Protein backbone atom coordinates (compact mmCIF):
# COMPACT_ATOMS: atom_id res chain seq x y z
CA MET A 1 -177.34 -66.99 -108.52
CA ALA A 2 -175.96 -68.15 -105.15
CA GLU A 3 -171.93 -68.89 -105.02
CA SER A 4 -171.03 -72.15 -104.91
CA ARG A 5 -168.85 -73.54 -101.89
CA GLN A 6 -166.04 -74.39 -104.53
CA GLU A 7 -166.22 -70.92 -105.79
CA ARG A 8 -166.20 -69.26 -102.45
CA ARG A 9 -163.21 -71.14 -101.32
CA ARG A 10 -161.42 -70.13 -104.44
CA ARG A 11 -162.24 -66.30 -103.62
CA GLU A 12 -161.13 -66.71 -100.03
CA ARG A 13 -157.87 -68.35 -101.20
CA LEU A 14 -157.49 -65.31 -103.89
CA GLU A 15 -158.14 -62.91 -101.08
CA GLY A 16 -155.89 -64.59 -98.78
CA GLY A 17 -153.08 -64.15 -101.00
CA GLY A 18 -153.52 -60.65 -101.69
CA GLU A 19 -153.23 -60.08 -98.06
CA GLY A 20 -149.86 -62.48 -98.13
CA LYS A 21 -148.51 -59.55 -100.22
CA ARG A 22 -148.53 -56.72 -98.10
CA PRO A 23 -145.51 -57.83 -96.06
CA LEU A 24 -143.40 -57.84 -99.18
CA MET A 25 -144.30 -53.94 -99.31
CA HIS A 26 -143.17 -53.53 -95.58
CA SER A 27 -140.17 -55.42 -95.73
CA SER A 28 -138.95 -53.11 -98.63
CA GLY A 29 -139.13 -50.23 -96.19
CA GLY A 30 -137.09 -52.53 -93.54
CA GLY A 31 -134.64 -53.28 -96.33
CA LYS A 32 -133.66 -49.64 -96.15
CA LYS A 33 -131.71 -50.25 -92.61
CA PRO A 34 -128.86 -52.42 -93.89
CA ILE A 35 -128.46 -49.97 -96.92
CA PHE A 36 -128.20 -47.31 -94.44
CA ILE A 37 -125.56 -49.15 -92.38
CA ILE A 38 -123.70 -49.92 -95.55
CA ILE A 39 -123.53 -46.31 -96.15
CA ILE A 40 -122.51 -45.35 -92.85
CA LEU A 41 -119.65 -47.96 -92.71
CA ALA A 42 -118.56 -46.75 -96.14
CA ILE A 43 -118.32 -43.19 -94.73
CA VAL A 44 -116.50 -44.34 -91.71
CA ALA A 45 -113.94 -46.32 -94.20
CA ILE A 46 -113.49 -43.13 -96.34
CA ILE A 47 -112.63 -41.06 -92.97
CA ALA A 48 -110.24 -43.56 -92.01
CA PHE A 49 -108.54 -43.62 -95.25
CA ALA A 50 -107.96 -40.11 -95.34
CA ALA A 51 -106.61 -39.99 -91.99
CA THR A 52 -104.28 -42.79 -92.67
CA ASN A 53 -103.07 -40.65 -95.86
CA TYR A 54 -102.79 -37.53 -93.81
CA LEU A 55 -100.65 -39.24 -91.22
CA SER A 56 -98.32 -40.91 -93.88
CA ALA A 57 -98.15 -37.50 -95.67
CA GLN A 58 -97.16 -35.99 -92.54
CA GLN A 59 -94.24 -38.52 -91.70
CA ALA A 60 -93.30 -38.53 -95.41
CA GLY A 61 -92.89 -34.88 -95.60
CA PRO A 62 -90.09 -32.60 -94.36
CA TYR A 63 -89.22 -32.89 -90.74
CA ASN A 64 -89.76 -29.56 -89.28
CA PRO A 65 -88.09 -30.03 -85.27
CA ALA A 66 -89.42 -27.96 -82.69
CA ALA A 67 -88.11 -28.04 -78.92
CA ASN A 68 -91.05 -29.74 -77.09
CA GLY A 69 -89.11 -31.49 -74.36
CA PRO A 70 -85.89 -31.36 -72.62
CA GLN A 71 -82.70 -30.45 -74.60
CA ILE A 72 -79.91 -32.56 -74.53
CA ASP A 73 -75.80 -31.36 -75.43
CA VAL A 74 -74.23 -34.70 -77.07
CA GLY A 75 -70.93 -32.70 -77.10
CA GLU A 76 -68.27 -32.28 -79.64
CA GLN A 77 -68.47 -34.67 -82.70
CA SER A 78 -64.76 -34.99 -83.92
CA ARG A 79 -62.92 -37.79 -85.44
CA GLY A 80 -58.98 -38.42 -85.63
CA ASN A 81 -56.48 -37.94 -82.86
CA ILE A 82 -57.58 -35.35 -80.24
CA ASN A 83 -53.71 -34.70 -79.80
CA ALA A 84 -53.29 -34.02 -83.32
CA THR A 85 -51.02 -31.20 -84.87
CA VAL A 86 -53.51 -29.78 -87.15
CA THR A 87 -57.31 -29.35 -86.13
CA ILE A 88 -59.94 -28.89 -88.95
CA THR A 89 -63.10 -27.25 -87.87
CA GLU A 90 -65.87 -27.81 -90.57
CA TYR A 91 -69.11 -25.79 -90.56
CA SER A 92 -71.28 -27.81 -92.91
CA ASP A 93 -74.92 -28.27 -93.95
CA PHE A 94 -76.26 -31.89 -94.87
CA GLU A 95 -78.77 -30.24 -97.88
CA CYS A 96 -75.92 -28.38 -99.30
CA PRO A 97 -74.88 -29.64 -102.75
CA PHE A 98 -71.40 -28.19 -102.14
CA CYS A 99 -70.89 -29.72 -98.75
CA ALA A 100 -71.85 -32.88 -100.60
CA LYS A 101 -69.42 -32.28 -103.12
CA PHE A 102 -66.49 -31.94 -100.28
CA PHE A 103 -67.85 -35.12 -99.00
CA SER A 104 -67.47 -37.21 -101.81
CA ASN A 105 -63.73 -35.91 -103.02
CA ALA A 106 -61.58 -33.85 -100.58
CA TYR A 107 -63.13 -35.55 -97.32
CA ARG A 108 -62.12 -38.84 -98.16
CA GLN A 109 -58.90 -37.94 -98.91
CA LEU A 110 -58.38 -36.07 -96.21
CA LYS A 111 -59.65 -39.04 -93.82
CA SER A 112 -57.34 -41.40 -95.32
CA GLU A 113 -54.10 -39.27 -95.75
CA TYR A 114 -54.51 -37.06 -92.55
CA ILE A 115 -57.40 -38.18 -90.28
CA ASP A 116 -56.77 -41.95 -89.94
CA THR A 117 -53.07 -41.29 -89.80
CA GLY A 118 -53.39 -39.26 -86.55
CA LYS A 119 -52.13 -35.98 -88.25
CA VAL A 120 -55.32 -33.96 -88.28
CA ARG A 121 -58.28 -34.15 -86.26
CA LEU A 122 -61.71 -33.12 -87.86
CA ILE A 123 -64.39 -31.30 -85.72
CA TYR A 124 -67.97 -31.11 -87.50
CA LYS A 125 -69.97 -28.16 -86.32
CA GLN A 126 -73.62 -28.00 -87.62
CA TYR A 127 -74.51 -24.95 -89.87
CA PRO A 128 -77.94 -25.40 -91.86
CA LEU A 129 -78.67 -22.65 -93.98
CA VAL A 130 -82.43 -22.89 -93.20
CA ASN A 131 -83.62 -20.11 -95.23
CA THR A 132 -82.30 -21.89 -98.40
CA HIS A 133 -82.41 -25.57 -97.53
CA LYS A 134 -85.79 -26.20 -95.92
CA GLN A 135 -84.67 -29.68 -94.44
CA SER A 136 -81.15 -28.98 -93.21
CA LEU A 137 -82.25 -28.16 -89.74
CA GLY A 138 -84.20 -31.56 -89.48
CA ALA A 139 -81.20 -33.28 -90.73
CA ALA A 140 -79.05 -31.46 -88.31
CA VAL A 141 -80.96 -32.17 -85.14
CA ALA A 142 -81.55 -35.78 -86.53
CA ALA A 143 -77.66 -36.27 -87.09
CA LEU A 144 -77.16 -35.41 -83.06
CA CYS A 145 -80.06 -37.67 -82.07
CA ALA A 146 -77.72 -40.40 -83.59
CA ALA A 147 -74.84 -38.97 -81.89
CA ASP A 148 -76.55 -39.38 -78.70
CA GLN A 149 -76.12 -43.12 -79.20
CA GLY A 150 -72.80 -43.02 -80.75
CA LYS A 151 -73.32 -42.88 -84.51
CA PHE A 152 -72.81 -39.34 -85.65
CA TRP A 153 -70.32 -40.19 -88.28
CA GLU A 154 -72.09 -43.18 -89.72
CA TYR A 155 -75.14 -41.35 -89.85
CA HIS A 156 -73.25 -38.08 -91.40
CA ASP A 157 -72.32 -40.53 -94.14
CA LEU A 158 -75.79 -41.74 -94.83
CA LEU A 159 -77.04 -38.06 -95.04
CA PHE A 160 -74.71 -37.05 -97.49
CA ILE A 161 -74.83 -40.15 -99.82
CA ASN A 162 -78.67 -40.24 -99.76
CA GLN A 163 -78.93 -36.14 -99.98
CA PRO A 164 -81.46 -34.35 -100.19
CA ARG A 165 -83.86 -37.25 -99.18
CA PHE A 166 -84.68 -36.19 -95.55
CA SER A 167 -88.28 -36.68 -94.95
CA ARG A 168 -89.02 -38.04 -91.08
CA VAL A 169 -89.63 -41.65 -92.82
CA ALA A 170 -86.38 -41.15 -94.57
CA LEU A 171 -84.41 -39.95 -91.46
CA GLU A 172 -85.96 -42.87 -89.46
CA SER A 173 -84.73 -45.36 -92.25
CA TYR A 174 -81.12 -44.35 -91.69
CA ALA A 175 -81.19 -44.77 -88.04
CA ALA A 176 -82.65 -48.34 -88.21
CA GLN A 177 -80.08 -49.03 -91.17
CA LEU A 178 -77.45 -47.99 -88.30
CA GLY A 179 -79.26 -50.41 -85.56
CA LEU A 180 -80.10 -47.50 -83.45
CA GLY A 181 -82.54 -47.89 -80.75
CA MET A 182 -85.79 -46.60 -82.76
CA GLN A 183 -87.76 -45.42 -79.65
CA LYS A 184 -85.17 -43.27 -78.35
CA PHE A 185 -84.10 -42.10 -81.69
CA ASN A 186 -87.91 -41.06 -82.42
CA GLN A 187 -88.26 -39.40 -79.04
CA CYS A 188 -85.46 -37.17 -79.79
CA LEU A 189 -87.03 -36.21 -83.15
CA ASP A 190 -90.24 -35.84 -81.30
CA ASP A 191 -88.94 -33.38 -78.76
CA GLY A 192 -86.47 -31.75 -81.12
CA ALA A 193 -84.15 -32.58 -78.33
CA THR A 194 -80.96 -31.58 -79.83
CA LEU A 195 -82.22 -28.33 -81.52
CA GLY A 196 -80.65 -26.15 -78.91
CA GLN A 197 -77.39 -27.46 -79.88
CA VAL A 198 -77.71 -26.78 -83.53
CA LYS A 199 -78.46 -23.28 -83.08
CA ARG A 200 -75.36 -22.73 -80.47
CA GLU A 201 -72.91 -24.33 -83.00
CA ILE A 202 -74.97 -21.72 -85.69
CA SER A 203 -73.92 -18.92 -83.24
CA GLU A 204 -70.70 -20.11 -83.23
CA GLY A 205 -70.07 -20.15 -86.80
CA ASN A 206 -71.62 -16.85 -87.22
CA ALA A 207 -68.99 -15.49 -84.72
CA ALA A 208 -66.17 -17.36 -86.44
CA GLY A 209 -67.08 -15.51 -89.91
CA VAL A 210 -68.72 -18.48 -91.67
CA ASP A 211 -70.28 -16.84 -94.71
CA GLY A 212 -71.30 -20.13 -96.51
CA THR A 213 -70.97 -23.92 -96.43
CA PRO A 214 -68.77 -25.78 -96.47
CA PHE A 215 -66.48 -23.39 -94.42
CA PHE A 216 -63.28 -24.82 -92.59
CA LEU A 217 -60.70 -23.49 -90.04
CA VAL A 218 -57.40 -25.22 -90.53
CA ASN A 219 -55.86 -24.38 -87.12
CA GLY A 220 -57.48 -20.95 -87.32
CA GLN A 221 -56.83 -20.52 -91.12
CA LYS A 222 -59.81 -20.41 -93.38
CA ILE A 223 -60.97 -22.17 -96.06
CA SER A 224 -64.32 -21.47 -97.98
CA GLY A 225 -66.04 -23.73 -100.35
CA ALA A 226 -65.74 -27.19 -101.39
CA GLN A 227 -62.08 -26.74 -102.25
CA PRO A 228 -60.05 -29.80 -104.08
CA ILE A 229 -57.65 -31.26 -101.63
CA GLU A 230 -54.63 -29.65 -102.67
CA ALA A 231 -55.73 -26.62 -100.78
CA PHE A 232 -56.32 -28.55 -97.90
CA ARG A 233 -53.05 -30.17 -98.28
CA ILE A 234 -51.10 -26.67 -98.64
CA VAL A 235 -52.04 -25.33 -95.34
CA ILE A 236 -51.84 -28.77 -93.51
CA GLU A 237 -48.59 -29.55 -94.66
CA GLY A 238 -47.34 -25.74 -93.72
CA GLU A 239 -48.75 -26.59 -90.28
CA LEU A 240 -47.19 -29.98 -89.96
CA SER A 241 -43.81 -28.48 -91.06
CA LYS A 242 -43.83 -25.95 -88.03
CA MET A 243 -43.48 -29.01 -85.66
CA GLN A 244 -40.09 -30.51 -87.29
């Protein structure tokens, strides 16, 4: 039976609709391209996140100084009358708990009674016990970097108050609290610029007979350990009496 014109048109429309579906199949293949891009972006984001975390961990971890550039000598760190009758040379370690005990007790009394009154001059020498206190060397270097900007004693106080928080981030934060020039301070840390002076002071301590920290020479007389103020007062008063 012959196909009517109406039936033929219906058949052609149906066939045309079937052909029209083919691009939908191809578009699903083309749809893989956005998914692929999303996967690549996700991988890049993961790598960037991991790198950021790694750098943050490096910053937050212990600061291990190395002499990567020219060394500087910031000189003697002393407080009090340079012509005082009594000179105390202290060999100390910022991470040492006994040194922190001295700082919290006898040091404060020494400062108010003898240093601030011009009777005693105190000289601080770096003697980090690097085999025991893993962050002590970094703290010593940082303290001398602060000294390079005239803020040694203020930095010294913050280190003992915050012991033993001596990560790179912490060392930078103490410098920022004191208003130090951060570019100069960070450059000093990056170069380990004061490491040579720290090592020289350790050698001086060894020659002086330092056997632990804190260690003191009071006009040449040895006092070892976090002794109470009375132990210092006896020697100081004895030295002052010689001048009367």
